[in-house]
Amino acid sequence: MQIFSNNPPKMFSKPQPGIVDEKITPDEPGRVKFKATYWPAMLFRDYSMTLYPGQEVAVVGSQGITLLVRPL
């Protein structure tokens, strides 16, 4: 995952639930449904797994309009 210094991540005080809509891999962002809306999303930190559509995730923050997620 790439984090840009000019756009630091904003972490949520409490992880919130989301559902993967488009596959998310360590190298490629995807999309999640979060609070009834679809958002671009990428893995937070260095998880070496792939998240598949329908899988529940924890939304832990955002970077710009991209949500940062981790597996449950």
N, C-alpha and C. Protein backbone atom coordinates (compact mmCIF):
# COMPACT_ATOMS: atom_id res chain seq x y z
N MET A 1 0.84 -1.18 0.00
CA MET A 1 0.00 0.00 0.00
C MET A 1 0.88 1.23 0.00
N GLN A 2 0.46 2.23 -0.73
CA GLN A 2 1.24 3.44 -0.83
C GLN A 2 0.52 4.57 -0.10
N ILE A 3 1.21 5.22 0.80
CA ILE A 3 0.65 6.38 1.50
C ILE A 3 1.48 7.59 1.11
N PHE A 4 0.83 8.63 0.67
CA PHE A 4 1.52 9.83 0.22
C PHE A 4 1.65 10.82 1.38
N SER A 5 2.84 11.37 1.55
CA SER A 5 3.10 12.27 2.67
C SER A 5 2.28 13.55 2.58
N ASN A 6 1.91 13.98 1.37
CA ASN A 6 1.13 15.21 1.26
C ASN A 6 -0.36 14.97 1.51
N ASN A 7 -0.74 13.74 1.71
CA ASN A 7 -2.13 13.39 1.99
C ASN A 7 -2.14 12.28 3.04
N PRO A 8 -1.80 12.61 4.29
CA PRO A 8 -1.71 11.58 5.33
C PRO A 8 -3.07 10.94 5.62
N PRO A 9 -3.07 9.69 6.03
CA PRO A 9 -4.34 9.02 6.33
C PRO A 9 -5.01 9.62 7.56
N LYS A 10 -6.33 9.59 7.54
CA LYS A 10 -7.13 9.99 8.70
C LYS A 10 -7.72 8.73 9.28
N MET A 11 -7.33 8.41 10.50
CA MET A 11 -7.79 7.18 11.13
C MET A 11 -9.08 7.44 11.92
N PHE A 12 -10.00 6.48 11.84
CA PHE A 12 -11.24 6.58 12.59
C PHE A 12 -10.97 6.19 14.04
N SER A 13 -11.72 6.76 14.97
CA SER A 13 -11.54 6.42 16.37
C SER A 13 -11.99 4.99 16.66
N LYS A 14 -12.90 4.48 15.83
CA LYS A 14 -13.40 3.12 16.00
C LYS A 14 -13.62 2.52 14.61
N PRO A 15 -13.09 1.31 14.32
CA PRO A 15 -13.34 0.68 13.02
C PRO A 15 -14.84 0.51 12.78
N GLN A 16 -15.23 0.63 11.52
CA GLN A 16 -16.63 0.53 11.16
C GLN A 16 -16.79 -0.53 10.07
N PRO A 17 -17.94 -1.21 10.02
CA PRO A 17 -18.12 -2.31 9.07
C PRO A 17 -18.31 -1.85 7.63
N GLY A 18 -17.79 -2.65 6.73
CA GLY A 18 -17.98 -2.45 5.30
C GLY A 18 -18.04 -3.81 4.62
N ILE A 19 -18.46 -3.82 3.36
CA ILE A 19 -18.55 -5.04 2.56
C ILE A 19 -17.78 -4.82 1.26
N VAL A 20 -16.91 -5.74 0.92
CA VAL A 20 -16.15 -5.64 -0.33
C VAL A 20 -17.11 -5.79 -1.51
N ASP A 21 -17.01 -4.87 -2.46
CA ASP A 21 -17.81 -4.92 -3.68
C ASP A 21 -16.96 -5.32 -4.89
N GLU A 22 -15.73 -4.82 -4.95
CA GLU A 22 -14.76 -5.21 -5.98
C GLU A 22 -13.50 -5.66 -5.28
N LYS A 23 -12.93 -6.75 -5.78
CA LYS A 23 -11.75 -7.37 -5.17
C LYS A 23 -10.67 -6.34 -4.83
N ILE A 24 -10.06 -6.54 -3.65
CA ILE A 24 -8.96 -5.69 -3.17
C ILE A 24 -7.76 -6.60 -2.94
N THR A 25 -6.64 -6.27 -3.55
CA THR A 25 -5.42 -7.05 -3.38
C THR A 25 -4.35 -6.16 -2.74
N PRO A 26 -3.24 -6.76 -2.30
CA PRO A 26 -2.16 -5.93 -1.73
C PRO A 26 -1.62 -4.89 -2.72
N ASP A 27 -1.74 -5.18 -4.04
CA ASP A 27 -1.19 -4.29 -5.05
C ASP A 27 -2.22 -3.42 -5.76
N GLU A 28 -3.50 -3.79 -5.65
CA GLU A 28 -4.54 -3.08 -6.38
C GLU A 28 -5.70 -2.71 -5.47
N PRO A 29 -6.12 -1.45 -5.50
CA PRO A 29 -7.30 -1.08 -4.74
C PRO A 29 -8.56 -1.68 -5.36
N GLY A 30 -9.63 -1.65 -4.61
CA GLY A 30 -10.91 -2.14 -5.10
C GLY A 30 -12.00 -1.19 -4.65
N ARG A 31 -13.15 -1.76 -4.25
CA ARG A 31 -14.26 -0.92 -3.82
C ARG A 31 -15.03 -1.62 -2.71
N VAL A 32 -15.53 -0.82 -1.77
CA VAL A 32 -16.35 -1.35 -0.69
C VAL A 32 -17.66 -0.57 -0.59
N LYS A 33 -18.66 -1.25 -0.04
CA LYS A 33 -19.90 -0.57 0.31
C LYS A 33 -19.78 -0.20 1.78
N PHE A 34 -19.92 1.10 2.05
CA PHE A 34 -19.74 1.63 3.40
C PHE A 34 -20.81 2.69 3.63
N LYS A 35 -21.63 2.46 4.65
CA LYS A 35 -22.73 3.39 4.97
C LYS A 35 -23.61 3.65 3.74
N ALA A 36 -24.02 2.56 3.07
CA ALA A 36 -24.96 2.59 1.93
C ALA A 36 -24.41 3.29 0.69
N THR A 37 -23.08 3.51 0.62
CA THR A 37 -22.46 4.16 -0.53
C THR A 37 -21.21 3.37 -0.91
N TYR A 38 -20.86 3.40 -2.19
CA TYR A 38 -19.68 2.70 -2.68
C TYR A 38 -18.48 3.65 -2.72
N TRP A 39 -17.34 3.13 -2.22
CA TRP A 39 -16.12 3.93 -2.10
C TRP A 39 -14.91 3.15 -2.62
N PRO A 40 -13.93 3.84 -3.21
CA PRO A 40 -12.66 3.18 -3.49
C PRO A 40 -12.05 2.75 -2.16
N ALA A 41 -11.35 1.64 -2.17
CA ALA A 41 -10.76 1.14 -0.92
C ALA A 41 -9.45 0.41 -1.21
N MET A 42 -8.57 0.45 -0.22
CA MET A 42 -7.31 -0.29 -0.32
C MET A 42 -6.98 -0.86 1.05
N LEU A 43 -6.13 -1.88 1.03
CA LEU A 43 -5.71 -2.51 2.28
C LEU A 43 -4.88 -1.56 3.11
N PHE A 44 -5.15 -1.56 4.41
CA PHE A 44 -4.36 -0.76 5.34
C PHE A 44 -3.22 -1.63 5.86
N ARG A 45 -2.05 -1.09 5.85
CA ARG A 45 -0.82 -1.79 6.25
C ARG A 45 -0.47 -2.87 5.25
N ASP A 46 0.39 -3.76 5.64
CA ASP A 46 0.94 -4.74 4.70
C ASP A 46 0.29 -6.11 4.81
N TYR A 47 -1.01 -6.16 4.60
CA TYR A 47 -1.68 -7.46 4.55
C TYR A 47 -1.34 -8.12 3.22
N SER A 48 -1.06 -9.42 3.25
CA SER A 48 -0.69 -10.13 2.04
C SER A 48 -1.83 -11.01 1.55
N MET A 49 -3.05 -10.56 1.77
CA MET A 49 -4.20 -11.36 1.36
C MET A 49 -5.05 -10.59 0.37
N THR A 50 -5.95 -11.30 -0.27
CA THR A 50 -6.91 -10.70 -1.19
C THR A 50 -8.28 -10.72 -0.53
N LEU A 51 -8.99 -9.61 -0.64
CA LEU A 51 -10.35 -9.51 -0.11
C LEU A 51 -11.32 -9.61 -1.29
N TYR A 52 -12.33 -10.47 -1.15
CA TYR A 52 -13.24 -10.77 -2.26
C TYR A 52 -14.62 -10.18 -2.05
N PRO A 53 -15.35 -9.94 -3.14
CA PRO A 53 -16.71 -9.40 -3.03
C PRO A 53 -17.57 -10.22 -2.05
N GLY A 54 -18.31 -9.49 -1.22
CA GLY A 54 -19.17 -10.10 -0.22
C GLY A 54 -18.50 -10.26 1.14
N GLN A 55 -17.18 -10.13 1.18
CA GLN A 55 -16.44 -10.29 2.43
C GLN A 55 -16.60 -9.06 3.31
N GLU A 56 -16.83 -9.28 4.60
CA GLU A 56 -16.92 -8.17 5.55
C GLU A 56 -15.52 -7.70 5.91
N VAL A 57 -15.38 -6.38 6.04
CA VAL A 57 -14.10 -5.78 6.41
C VAL A 57 -14.33 -4.72 7.48
N ALA A 58 -13.24 -4.32 8.10
CA ALA A 58 -13.27 -3.19 9.04
C ALA A 58 -12.68 -1.99 8.31
N VAL A 59 -13.44 -0.92 8.24
CA VAL A 59 -12.97 0.33 7.66
C VAL A 59 -12.31 1.11 8.80
N VAL A 60 -11.00 1.32 8.69
CA VAL A 60 -10.24 1.90 9.79
C VAL A 60 -9.86 3.36 9.59
N GLY A 61 -10.04 3.87 8.36
CA GLY A 61 -9.68 5.26 8.09
C GLY A 61 -9.89 5.59 6.63
N SER A 62 -9.36 6.74 6.25
CA SER A 62 -9.45 7.16 4.85
C SER A 62 -8.20 7.94 4.48
N GLN A 63 -7.97 7.99 3.19
CA GLN A 63 -6.89 8.80 2.63
C GLN A 63 -7.48 9.44 1.38
N GLY A 64 -7.80 10.71 1.48
CA GLY A 64 -8.56 11.35 0.41
C GLY A 64 -9.94 10.70 0.39
N ILE A 65 -10.37 10.25 -0.80
CA ILE A 65 -11.67 9.58 -0.89
C ILE A 65 -11.54 8.06 -0.82
N THR A 66 -10.33 7.56 -0.64
CA THR A 66 -10.10 6.12 -0.57
C THR A 66 -10.17 5.66 0.88
N LEU A 67 -10.99 4.64 1.13
CA LEU A 67 -11.10 4.07 2.47
C LEU A 67 -9.98 3.07 2.71
N LEU A 68 -9.51 3.02 3.93
CA LEU A 68 -8.49 2.07 4.35
C LEU A 68 -9.17 0.95 5.10
N VAL A 69 -8.97 -0.28 4.65
CA VAL A 69 -9.67 -1.42 5.24
C VAL A 69 -8.70 -2.50 5.69
N ARG A 70 -9.20 -3.34 6.59
CA ARG A 70 -8.44 -4.52 7.00
C ARG A 70 -9.43 -5.66 7.11
N PRO A 71 -8.95 -6.90 6.98
CA PRO A 71 -9.87 -8.04 7.12
C PRO A 71 -10.36 -8.17 8.55
N LEU A 72 -11.52 -8.78 8.70
CA LEU A 72 -12.04 -9.06 10.05
C LEU A 72 -11.47 -10.35 10.57
